[in-house]
Amino acid sequence: LEFRRVLFRSFSDEQLPHFYTIATIVISRAGGSALAELAAVQKPSIIIPLEGVGEDHQVRNAESLASRGAVVLLRESALTTLPDVVRQLLQDSSLRERLSQSFSHAYRSQASEVIAQNIVDVLRSSSVE
């Protein structure tokens, strides 16, 4: 489904990097992987956390980023305001830039390497002979 400059697609792993590249803004849930991908590409994002699952981790993820000015947090109870929020982001390039910059501060590009090294260090220090 296409409507003017809006592109709706079902989820697709293979095409996701291309969609991020062409997107002006992204609307997403707040799972850890999704947020890490968005932080990596630093796209202005409207985050709608899935509430009440996994000890509310999506809500906490979204609140953490929203408190740092990295995303726009939209609760499911406020979904009727989504068109207005999208319109505001599309019309305000300085807001999009601020969101992108704040997202860049939340992203740690070497996080996997640091975690892997920490695991190796722990395993080495606690090795059983």
Protein backbone atom coordinates (compact mmCIF):
# COMPACT_ATOMS: atom_id res chain seq x y z
CA LEU A 1 0.00 0.00 0.00
CA GLU A 2 1.40 3.38 -0.96
CA PHE A 3 -0.14 6.77 -0.27
CA ARG A 4 1.78 9.78 -1.48
CA ARG A 5 5.12 9.53 0.29
CA VAL A 6 3.99 6.95 2.85
CA LEU A 7 5.11 3.38 2.40
CA PHE A 8 3.38 0.58 4.30
CA ARG A 9 4.97 -2.86 4.23
CA SER A 10 4.77 -5.99 6.32
CA PHE A 11 7.90 -6.88 8.23
CA SER A 12 10.85 -7.86 6.08
CA ASP A 13 14.34 -8.56 7.46
CA GLU A 14 16.03 -8.32 4.07
CA GLN A 15 14.55 -4.97 3.14
CA LEU A 16 14.72 -3.27 6.54
CA PRO A 17 18.12 -1.56 6.03
CA HIS A 18 16.83 -0.10 2.76
CA PHE A 19 13.68 1.17 4.43
CA TYR A 20 15.72 2.86 7.15
CA THR A 21 17.85 4.54 4.50
CA ILE A 22 14.89 6.12 2.69
CA ALA A 23 12.80 6.90 5.77
CA THR A 24 12.39 10.45 7.02
CA ILE A 25 10.88 9.16 10.26
CA VAL A 26 10.25 5.69 11.67
CA ILE A 27 7.33 4.42 13.73
CA SER A 28 8.30 1.39 15.79
CA ARG A 29 7.74 -0.69 18.89
CA ALA A 30 10.34 -0.47 21.66
CA GLY A 31 12.04 -3.84 21.70
CA GLY A 32 15.76 -3.78 22.36
CA SER A 33 16.78 -4.93 18.88
CA ALA A 34 14.50 -2.46 17.11
CA LEU A 35 15.79 0.43 19.21
CA ALA A 36 19.42 -0.60 18.67
CA GLU A 37 18.84 -0.60 14.91
CA LEU A 38 17.17 2.81 15.04
CA ALA A 39 19.95 4.23 17.18
CA ALA A 40 22.53 2.88 14.72
CA VAL A 41 20.87 4.70 11.82
CA GLN A 42 19.89 7.68 13.99
CA LYS A 43 16.44 8.07 12.48
CA PRO A 44 13.91 10.36 14.13
CA SER A 45 11.43 7.91 15.60
CA ILE A 46 8.00 7.68 17.12
CA ILE A 47 8.10 4.80 19.57
CA ILE A 48 4.91 3.02 20.59
CA PRO A 49 5.84 0.52 23.31
CA LEU A 50 3.93 -2.71 23.68
CA GLU A 51 2.63 -2.33 27.21
CA GLY A 52 2.29 -5.05 29.80
CA VAL A 53 4.67 -7.65 28.33
CA GLY A 54 8.05 -8.81 29.58
CA GLU A 55 7.84 -6.84 32.83
CA ASP A 56 7.06 -3.75 30.73
CA HIS A 57 10.57 -3.65 29.23
CA GLN A 58 9.33 -1.87 26.09
CA VAL A 59 7.81 0.90 28.16
CA ARG A 60 11.02 1.30 30.16
CA ASN A 61 13.13 1.27 26.97
CA ALA A 62 10.96 3.96 25.39
CA GLU A 63 10.81 6.09 28.53
CA SER A 64 14.58 5.98 28.88
CA LEU A 65 15.16 7.21 25.33
CA ALA A 66 12.34 9.76 25.48
CA SER A 67 13.75 11.23 28.69
CA ARG A 68 17.01 11.86 26.81
CA GLY A 69 15.20 13.48 23.90
CA ALA A 70 16.09 10.66 21.51
CA VAL A 71 12.57 9.55 20.52
CA VAL A 72 8.97 10.64 20.64
CA LEU A 73 7.11 8.32 23.01
CA LEU A 74 3.50 7.64 22.11
CA ARG A 75 1.40 5.42 24.37
CA GLU A 76 -1.09 3.03 22.82
CA SER A 77 -3.82 4.91 24.70
CA ALA A 78 -2.91 8.03 22.67
CA LEU A 79 -2.77 6.42 19.21
CA THR A 80 -5.46 8.76 17.92
CA THR A 81 -2.83 11.53 18.07
CA LEU A 82 -0.43 9.64 15.78
CA PRO A 83 -1.34 11.63 12.63
CA ASP A 84 -0.66 14.89 14.46
CA VAL A 85 2.65 13.63 15.83
CA VAL A 86 3.73 12.43 12.37
CA ARG A 87 2.71 15.76 10.84
CA GLN A 88 4.67 17.68 13.49
CA LEU A 89 7.83 15.63 12.86
CA LEU A 90 7.55 15.94 9.09
CA GLN A 91 7.11 19.70 9.32
CA ASP A 92 9.81 20.39 11.91
CA SER A 93 13.27 19.60 10.54
CA SER A 94 15.00 21.02 13.63
CA LEU A 95 13.07 18.61 15.86
CA ARG A 96 14.05 15.71 13.60
CA GLU A 97 17.68 16.81 13.81
CA ARG A 98 17.55 17.06 17.63
CA LEU A 99 16.05 13.58 17.88
CA SER A 100 18.75 12.16 15.58
CA GLN A 101 21.53 13.84 17.53
CA SER A 102 20.16 12.64 20.86
CA PHE A 103 19.79 9.11 19.45
CA SER A 104 23.44 9.18 18.39
CA HIS A 105 24.48 9.77 22.01
CA ALA A 106 22.48 6.72 23.12
CA TYR A 107 24.15 4.39 20.62
CA ARG A 108 27.36 2.54 21.45
CA SER A 109 28.75 1.20 18.20
CA GLN A 110 31.24 -1.12 19.90
CA ALA A 111 28.83 -2.53 22.50
CA SER A 112 28.98 -6.13 21.21
CA GLU A 113 32.75 -6.18 21.32
CA VAL A 114 32.82 -4.75 24.84
CA ILE A 115 30.27 -7.32 26.06
CA ALA A 116 32.15 -10.19 24.40
CA GLN A 117 35.44 -9.05 25.94
CA ASN A 118 33.82 -8.82 29.38
CA ILE A 119 32.54 -12.39 29.02
CA VAL A 120 35.98 -13.63 27.98
CA ASP A 121 37.58 -11.81 30.93
CA VAL A 122 35.11 -13.33 33.40
CA LEU A 123 35.63 -16.81 31.95
CA ARG A 124 39.41 -16.46 32.15
CA SER A 125 39.35 -15.21 35.73
CA SER A 126 37.01 -17.95 36.92
CA SER A 127 38.40 -20.90 34.97
CA VAL A 128 38.37 -24.16 36.84
CA GLU A 129 41.51 -26.25 36.66
